[in-house]
Amino acid sequence: MAMLRRFRRAVLSLCAVGLLIWMGVEDHSAATPVVFGFIFSGLFILHRDGRMLGHRSTEVALILAGSGIGLGTALTAALLMVIKTGWHAHLFPDFPPGMILDVLARAPWWGAAGAFVGLGAALLARWRRR
């Protein structure tokens, strides 16, 4: 458990430094905020639901965690795009509103994809227990 805590802390520290560097760079690609959103939502779900994975409802917890990571990726990426656009405040924004709305429109699909990944992990965990 202590090793997992140190791993989360190290990943969070590296991502925070990377996020600060990214905020100062002119970047118009949606890939970077999506990657940061995935990492931050994964760390959040791991922190919140890590206790549930040891119980009998492991399968349900994995499916919900996957779905939460998928939804959280889209929401966090859109939030990062809005923050960076406001931070730079150019005449032509780094991320136009249409691009931010496109990322938000993908939230249900990414949530469903995360649920399917969680289902696959749950089936793999059940198979390994037998």
N, C-alpha and C. Protein backbone atom coordinates (compact mmCIF):
# COMPACT_ATOMS: atom_id res chain seq x y z
N MET A 1 0.82 -1.19 0.00
CA MET A 1 0.00 0.00 0.00
C MET A 1 0.87 1.26 0.00
N ALA A 2 1.96 1.23 0.74
CA ALA A 2 2.84 2.39 0.79
C ALA A 2 3.52 2.61 -0.55
N MET A 3 3.81 1.52 -1.26
CA MET A 3 4.44 1.65 -2.57
C MET A 3 3.47 2.28 -3.58
N LEU A 4 2.20 1.92 -3.49
CA LEU A 4 1.19 2.52 -4.36
C LEU A 4 1.03 4.01 -4.06
N ARG A 5 1.09 4.36 -2.81
CA ARG A 5 0.99 5.77 -2.42
C ARG A 5 2.18 6.57 -2.95
N ARG A 6 3.38 6.00 -2.87
CA ARG A 6 4.56 6.68 -3.41
C ARG A 6 4.49 6.80 -4.92
N PHE A 7 3.97 5.76 -5.59
CA PHE A 7 3.82 5.80 -7.04
C PHE A 7 2.85 6.91 -7.45
N ARG A 8 1.70 6.98 -6.77
CA ARG A 8 0.73 8.03 -7.08
C ARG A 8 1.32 9.41 -6.87
N ARG A 9 2.06 9.58 -5.78
CA ARG A 9 2.67 10.87 -5.49
C ARG A 9 3.71 11.24 -6.54
N ALA A 10 4.51 10.29 -6.97
CA ALA A 10 5.53 10.56 -7.99
C ALA A 10 4.89 10.91 -9.33
N VAL A 11 3.86 10.16 -9.73
CA VAL A 11 3.18 10.45 -10.99
C VAL A 11 2.50 11.81 -10.93
N LEU A 12 1.86 12.11 -9.83
CA LEU A 12 1.21 13.41 -9.68
C LEU A 12 2.21 14.55 -9.72
N SER A 13 3.36 14.37 -9.10
CA SER A 13 4.39 15.42 -9.12
C SER A 13 4.92 15.63 -10.53
N LEU A 14 5.21 14.56 -11.24
CA LEU A 14 5.70 14.68 -12.62
C LEU A 14 4.66 15.33 -13.53
N CYS A 15 3.41 14.95 -13.35
CA CYS A 15 2.34 15.53 -14.18
C CYS A 15 2.13 17.00 -13.85
N ALA A 16 2.25 17.37 -12.60
CA ALA A 16 2.10 18.77 -12.23
C ALA A 16 3.20 19.62 -12.85
N VAL A 17 4.43 19.12 -12.85
CA VAL A 17 5.53 19.84 -13.49
C VAL A 17 5.28 19.92 -15.00
N GLY A 18 4.86 18.81 -15.60
CA GLY A 18 4.55 18.80 -17.03
C GLY A 18 3.42 19.75 -17.37
N LEU A 19 2.43 19.83 -16.51
CA LEU A 19 1.30 20.73 -16.73
C LEU A 19 1.74 22.19 -16.67
N LEU A 20 2.60 22.52 -15.73
CA LEU A 20 3.11 23.89 -15.64
C LEU A 20 3.94 24.26 -16.86
N ILE A 21 4.73 23.33 -17.35
CA ILE A 21 5.51 23.59 -18.56
C ILE A 21 4.58 23.77 -19.75
N TRP A 22 3.57 22.91 -19.86
CA TRP A 22 2.63 22.96 -20.98
C TRP A 22 1.82 24.26 -20.99
N MET A 23 1.52 24.78 -19.82
CA MET A 23 0.73 26.02 -19.75
C MET A 23 1.48 27.20 -20.38
N GLY A 24 2.80 27.18 -20.38
CA GLY A 24 3.57 28.27 -20.94
C GLY A 24 3.88 28.12 -22.42
N VAL A 25 3.58 26.98 -23.00
CA VAL A 25 3.92 26.70 -24.39
C VAL A 25 2.69 26.94 -25.27
N GLU A 26 2.91 27.47 -26.46
CA GLU A 26 1.82 27.61 -27.42
C GLU A 26 1.54 26.25 -28.03
N ASP A 27 0.40 25.67 -27.70
CA ASP A 27 0.03 24.35 -28.19
C ASP A 27 -1.44 24.39 -28.56
N HIS A 28 -1.75 23.91 -29.77
CA HIS A 28 -3.13 23.94 -30.25
C HIS A 28 -3.69 22.54 -30.45
N SER A 29 -2.97 21.55 -30.00
CA SER A 29 -3.40 20.16 -30.16
C SER A 29 -4.22 19.73 -28.94
N ALA A 30 -5.26 18.97 -29.20
CA ALA A 30 -6.10 18.47 -28.11
C ALA A 30 -5.50 17.24 -27.43
N ALA A 31 -4.44 16.69 -28.01
CA ALA A 31 -3.86 15.46 -27.47
C ALA A 31 -3.27 15.67 -26.07
N THR A 32 -2.59 16.78 -25.88
CA THR A 32 -1.93 17.00 -24.59
C THR A 32 -2.93 17.15 -23.44
N PRO A 33 -3.98 17.97 -23.57
CA PRO A 33 -4.93 18.02 -22.44
C PRO A 33 -5.68 16.71 -22.23
N VAL A 34 -5.88 15.94 -23.30
CA VAL A 34 -6.56 14.64 -23.14
C VAL A 34 -5.66 13.68 -22.36
N VAL A 35 -4.37 13.68 -22.65
CA VAL A 35 -3.44 12.80 -21.91
C VAL A 35 -3.38 13.22 -20.45
N PHE A 36 -3.27 14.54 -20.21
CA PHE A 36 -3.28 15.01 -18.82
C PHE A 36 -4.60 14.68 -18.13
N GLY A 37 -5.70 14.82 -18.84
CA GLY A 37 -7.00 14.49 -18.26
C GLY A 37 -7.11 13.02 -17.91
N PHE A 38 -6.57 12.17 -18.78
CA PHE A 38 -6.59 10.72 -18.51
C PHE A 38 -5.76 10.39 -17.26
N ILE A 39 -4.58 10.97 -17.17
CA ILE A 39 -3.72 10.68 -16.02
C ILE A 39 -4.34 11.20 -14.72
N PHE A 40 -4.84 12.43 -14.73
CA PHE A 40 -5.41 12.99 -13.51
C PHE A 40 -6.69 12.26 -13.09
N SER A 41 -7.55 11.92 -14.05
CA SER A 41 -8.77 11.20 -13.67
C SER A 41 -8.45 9.78 -13.21
N GLY A 42 -7.45 9.16 -13.83
CA GLY A 42 -7.02 7.83 -13.37
C GLY A 42 -6.47 7.86 -11.96
N LEU A 43 -5.66 8.88 -11.66
CA LEU A 43 -5.13 9.00 -10.30
C LEU A 43 -6.24 9.28 -9.30
N PHE A 44 -7.20 10.10 -9.69
CA PHE A 44 -8.32 10.40 -8.79
C PHE A 44 -9.15 9.15 -8.50
N ILE A 45 -9.48 8.40 -9.54
CA ILE A 45 -10.27 7.18 -9.35
C ILE A 45 -9.48 6.15 -8.55
N LEU A 46 -8.19 6.04 -8.81
CA LEU A 46 -7.36 5.12 -8.06
C LEU A 46 -7.31 5.51 -6.59
N HIS A 47 -7.26 6.81 -6.33
CA HIS A 47 -7.24 7.28 -4.95
C HIS A 47 -8.59 7.04 -4.26
N ARG A 48 -9.69 7.33 -4.94
CA ARG A 48 -11.01 7.22 -4.34
C ARG A 48 -11.50 5.77 -4.25
N ASP A 49 -11.31 5.00 -5.31
CA ASP A 49 -11.91 3.67 -5.37
C ASP A 49 -10.92 2.55 -5.11
N GLY A 50 -9.71 2.88 -4.75
CA GLY A 50 -8.74 1.83 -4.47
C GLY A 50 -9.15 0.94 -3.31
N ARG A 51 -9.93 1.48 -2.39
CA ARG A 51 -10.38 0.67 -1.25
C ARG A 51 -11.45 -0.34 -1.66
N MET A 52 -12.22 -0.01 -2.73
CA MET A 52 -13.32 -0.89 -3.13
C MET A 52 -12.83 -2.15 -3.83
N LEU A 53 -11.63 -2.11 -4.36
CA LEU A 53 -11.17 -3.23 -5.18
C LEU A 53 -10.89 -4.49 -4.37
N GLY A 54 -10.81 -4.39 -3.06
CA GLY A 54 -10.55 -5.56 -2.25
C GLY A 54 -11.82 -6.27 -1.79
N HIS A 55 -12.99 -5.74 -2.06
CA HIS A 55 -14.24 -6.30 -1.59
C HIS A 55 -14.79 -7.32 -2.59
N ARG A 56 -15.96 -7.83 -2.27
CA ARG A 56 -16.59 -8.85 -3.12
C ARG A 56 -17.08 -8.26 -4.43
N SER A 57 -17.39 -6.99 -4.46
CA SER A 57 -17.93 -6.39 -5.67
C SER A 57 -16.82 -5.81 -6.55
N THR A 58 -15.74 -6.55 -6.69
CA THR A 58 -14.61 -6.09 -7.48
C THR A 58 -15.01 -5.82 -8.92
N GLU A 59 -15.85 -6.68 -9.47
CA GLU A 59 -16.25 -6.52 -10.88
C GLU A 59 -17.00 -5.20 -11.08
N VAL A 60 -17.94 -4.91 -10.21
CA VAL A 60 -18.71 -3.67 -10.33
C VAL A 60 -17.79 -2.47 -10.12
N ALA A 61 -16.88 -2.56 -9.17
CA ALA A 61 -15.96 -1.45 -8.91
C ALA A 61 -15.07 -1.19 -10.11
N LEU A 62 -14.60 -2.23 -10.77
CA LEU A 62 -13.75 -2.05 -11.95
C LEU A 62 -14.52 -1.43 -13.10
N ILE A 63 -15.75 -1.85 -13.31
CA ILE A 63 -16.56 -1.28 -14.39
C ILE A 63 -16.85 0.20 -14.11
N LEU A 64 -17.22 0.52 -12.87
CA LEU A 64 -17.49 1.91 -12.53
C LEU A 64 -16.22 2.77 -12.57
N ALA A 65 -15.11 2.19 -12.16
CA ALA A 65 -13.84 2.94 -12.21
C ALA A 65 -13.45 3.23 -13.66
N GLY A 66 -13.61 2.26 -14.53
CA GLY A 66 -13.30 2.49 -15.95
C GLY A 66 -14.19 3.55 -16.56
N SER A 67 -15.46 3.49 -16.23
CA SER A 67 -16.39 4.49 -16.73
C SER A 67 -16.06 5.88 -16.17
N GLY A 68 -15.70 5.94 -14.91
CA GLY A 68 -15.33 7.21 -14.30
C GLY A 68 -14.07 7.80 -14.90
N ILE A 69 -13.11 6.95 -15.23
CA ILE A 69 -11.89 7.43 -15.87
C ILE A 69 -12.21 7.98 -17.26
N GLY A 70 -13.06 7.29 -18.01
CA GLY A 70 -13.43 7.77 -19.34
C GLY A 70 -14.15 9.10 -19.29
N LEU A 71 -15.14 9.22 -18.41
CA LEU A 71 -15.87 10.49 -18.28
C LEU A 71 -14.97 11.59 -17.72
N GLY A 72 -14.17 11.23 -16.74
CA GLY A 72 -13.27 12.21 -16.14
C GLY A 72 -12.22 12.72 -17.10
N THR A 73 -11.80 11.88 -18.04
CA THR A 73 -10.83 12.31 -19.04
C THR A 73 -11.39 13.45 -19.87
N ALA A 74 -12.61 13.30 -20.36
CA ALA A 74 -13.21 14.34 -21.19
C ALA A 74 -13.45 15.62 -20.38
N LEU A 75 -13.97 15.49 -19.18
CA LEU A 75 -14.26 16.67 -18.37
C LEU A 75 -12.98 17.40 -17.95
N THR A 76 -11.96 16.66 -17.55
CA THR A 76 -10.71 17.27 -17.13
C THR A 76 -9.99 17.91 -18.32
N ALA A 77 -10.02 17.24 -19.47
CA ALA A 77 -9.38 17.81 -20.66
C ALA A 77 -10.06 19.12 -21.06
N ALA A 78 -11.38 19.15 -21.03
CA ALA A 78 -12.09 20.38 -21.37
C ALA A 78 -11.77 21.49 -20.36
N LEU A 79 -11.70 21.15 -19.10
CA LEU A 79 -11.36 22.13 -18.08
C LEU A 79 -9.95 22.68 -18.30
N LEU A 80 -9.01 21.81 -18.61
CA LEU A 80 -7.64 22.26 -18.88
C LEU A 80 -7.59 23.16 -20.11
N MET A 81 -8.38 22.83 -21.12
CA MET A 81 -8.42 23.66 -22.33
C MET A 81 -8.98 25.05 -22.02
N VAL A 82 -10.02 25.10 -21.21
CA VAL A 82 -10.60 26.39 -20.83
C VAL A 82 -9.61 27.21 -20.00
N ILE A 83 -8.93 26.57 -19.06
CA ILE A 83 -7.96 27.27 -18.22
C ILE A 83 -6.82 27.82 -19.06
N LYS A 84 -6.30 26.99 -19.99
CA LYS A 84 -5.18 27.47 -20.81
C LYS A 84 -5.62 28.59 -21.74
N THR A 85 -6.82 28.51 -22.27
CA THR A 85 -7.32 29.57 -23.14
C THR A 85 -7.46 30.87 -22.35
N GLY A 86 -7.96 30.80 -21.14
CA GLY A 86 -8.06 31.99 -20.31
C GLY A 86 -6.71 32.49 -19.83
N TRP A 87 -5.78 31.59 -19.62
CA TRP A 87 -4.46 31.94 -19.13
C TRP A 87 -3.72 32.79 -20.16
N HIS A 88 -3.78 32.37 -21.43
CA HIS A 88 -3.04 33.08 -22.47
C HIS A 88 -3.81 34.31 -22.97
N ALA A 89 -5.11 34.24 -23.07
CA ALA A 89 -5.98 35.35 -23.45
C ALA A 89 -5.53 36.05 -24.73
N HIS A 90 -5.32 35.26 -25.79
CA HIS A 90 -4.96 35.81 -27.09
C HIS A 90 -6.21 36.29 -27.81
N LEU A 91 -5.99 37.01 -28.90
CA LEU A 91 -7.09 37.39 -29.76
C LEU A 91 -7.70 36.14 -30.40
N PHE A 92 -6.84 35.22 -30.81
CA PHE A 92 -7.27 33.92 -31.32
C PHE A 92 -6.93 32.88 -30.26
N PRO A 93 -7.92 32.28 -29.62
CA PRO A 93 -7.65 31.37 -28.49
C PRO A 93 -6.91 30.12 -28.93
N ASP A 94 -6.15 29.55 -27.97
CA ASP A 94 -5.46 28.29 -28.22
C ASP A 94 -6.45 27.19 -28.57
N PHE A 95 -7.54 27.15 -27.84
CA PHE A 95 -8.57 26.13 -28.06
C PHE A 95 -9.90 26.85 -28.27
N PRO A 96 -10.39 26.90 -29.51
CA PRO A 96 -11.67 27.56 -29.76
C PRO A 96 -12.81 26.82 -29.06
N PRO A 97 -13.93 27.49 -28.83
CA PRO A 97 -15.06 26.85 -28.14
C PRO A 97 -15.55 25.58 -28.83
N GLY A 98 -15.51 25.55 -30.15
CA GLY A 98 -15.94 24.34 -30.86
C GLY A 98 -15.07 23.13 -30.54
N MET A 99 -13.78 23.36 -30.37
CA MET A 99 -12.86 22.27 -30.04
C MET A 99 -13.13 21.75 -28.63
N ILE A 100 -13.39 22.66 -27.70
CA ILE A 100 -13.69 22.26 -26.33
C ILE A 100 -15.01 21.49 -26.28
N LEU A 101 -16.01 21.95 -27.03
CA LEU A 101 -17.29 21.24 -27.07
C LEU A 101 -17.16 19.87 -27.73
N ASP A 102 -16.26 19.75 -28.72
CA ASP A 102 -16.03 18.44 -29.33
C ASP A 102 -15.45 17.45 -28.33
N VAL A 103 -14.55 17.92 -27.47
CA VAL A 103 -14.00 17.04 -26.43
C VAL A 103 -15.10 16.63 -25.45
N LEU A 104 -15.95 17.58 -25.08
CA LEU A 104 -17.05 17.26 -24.17
C LEU A 104 -18.07 16.32 -24.81
N ALA A 105 -18.26 16.44 -26.12
CA ALA A 105 -19.21 15.57 -26.81
C ALA A 105 -18.73 14.12 -26.82
N ARG A 106 -17.45 13.90 -26.64
CA ARG A 106 -16.90 12.54 -26.62
C ARG A 106 -17.02 11.88 -25.24
N ALA A 107 -17.45 12.61 -24.25
CA ALA A 107 -17.51 12.09 -22.88
C ALA A 107 -18.33 10.80 -22.76
N PRO A 108 -19.54 10.72 -23.33
CA PRO A 108 -20.29 9.46 -23.18
C PRO A 108 -19.58 8.27 -23.84
N TRP A 109 -18.95 8.54 -24.97
CA TRP A 109 -18.26 7.44 -25.67
C TRP A 109 -17.03 6.99 -24.90
N TRP A 110 -16.29 7.94 -24.35
CA TRP A 110 -15.12 7.58 -23.56
C TRP A 110 -15.53 6.91 -22.26
N GLY A 111 -16.67 7.32 -21.70
CA GLY A 111 -17.18 6.64 -20.50
C GLY A 111 -17.57 5.20 -20.80
N ALA A 112 -18.23 4.98 -21.95
CA ALA A 112 -18.60 3.62 -22.34
C ALA A 112 -17.35 2.78 -22.63
N ALA A 113 -16.37 3.38 -23.30
CA ALA A 113 -15.13 2.64 -23.58
C ALA A 113 -14.43 2.27 -22.28
N GLY A 114 -14.41 3.21 -21.33
CA GLY A 114 -13.80 2.90 -20.03
C GLY A 114 -14.54 1.81 -19.30
N ALA A 115 -15.88 1.79 -19.41
CA ALA A 115 -16.66 0.73 -18.77
C ALA A 115 -16.33 -0.62 -19.40
N PHE A 116 -16.15 -0.64 -20.71
CA PHE A 116 -15.79 -1.92 -21.36
C PHE A 116 -14.39 -2.37 -20.97
N VAL A 117 -13.46 -1.43 -20.82
CA VAL A 117 -12.13 -1.80 -20.34
C VAL A 117 -12.22 -2.34 -18.91
N GLY A 118 -13.03 -1.68 -18.08
CA GLY A 118 -13.24 -2.17 -16.71
C GLY A 118 -13.89 -3.54 -16.69
N LEU A 119 -14.84 -3.78 -17.60
CA LEU A 119 -15.45 -5.10 -17.71
C LEU A 119 -14.43 -6.14 -18.11
N GLY A 120 -13.56 -5.80 -19.05
CA GLY A 120 -12.50 -6.73 -19.44
C GLY A 120 -11.56 -7.03 -18.29
N ALA A 121 -11.21 -6.00 -17.52
CA ALA A 121 -10.35 -6.20 -16.35
C ALA A 121 -11.06 -7.05 -15.30
N ALA A 122 -12.37 -6.85 -15.14
CA ALA A 122 -13.13 -7.64 -14.17
C ALA A 122 -13.18 -9.11 -14.59
N LEU A 123 -13.41 -9.35 -15.87
CA LEU A 123 -13.43 -10.73 -16.36
C LEU A 123 -12.07 -11.38 -16.24
N LEU A 124 -11.03 -10.64 -16.50
CA LEU A 124 -9.67 -11.17 -16.34
C LEU A 124 -9.37 -11.47 -14.88
N ALA A 125 -9.82 -10.59 -13.98
CA ALA A 125 -9.60 -10.85 -12.54
C ALA A 125 -10.38 -12.07 -12.08
N ARG A 126 -11.60 -12.24 -12.57
CA ARG A 126 -12.38 -13.43 -12.20
C ARG A 126 -11.72 -14.70 -12.73
N TRP A 127 -11.22 -14.64 -13.96
CA TRP A 127 -10.57 -15.80 -14.56
C TRP A 127 -9.29 -16.17 -13.80
N ARG A 128 -8.55 -15.16 -13.34
CA ARG A 128 -7.30 -15.43 -12.62
C ARG A 128 -7.55 -16.01 -11.24
N ARG A 129 -8.71 -15.70 -10.64
CA ARG A 129 -9.02 -16.25 -9.32
C ARG A 129 -9.34 -17.74 -9.39
N ARG A 130 -9.77 -18.21 -10.52
CA ARG A 130 -10.15 -19.62 -10.63
C ARG A 130 -9.01 -20.51 -10.97
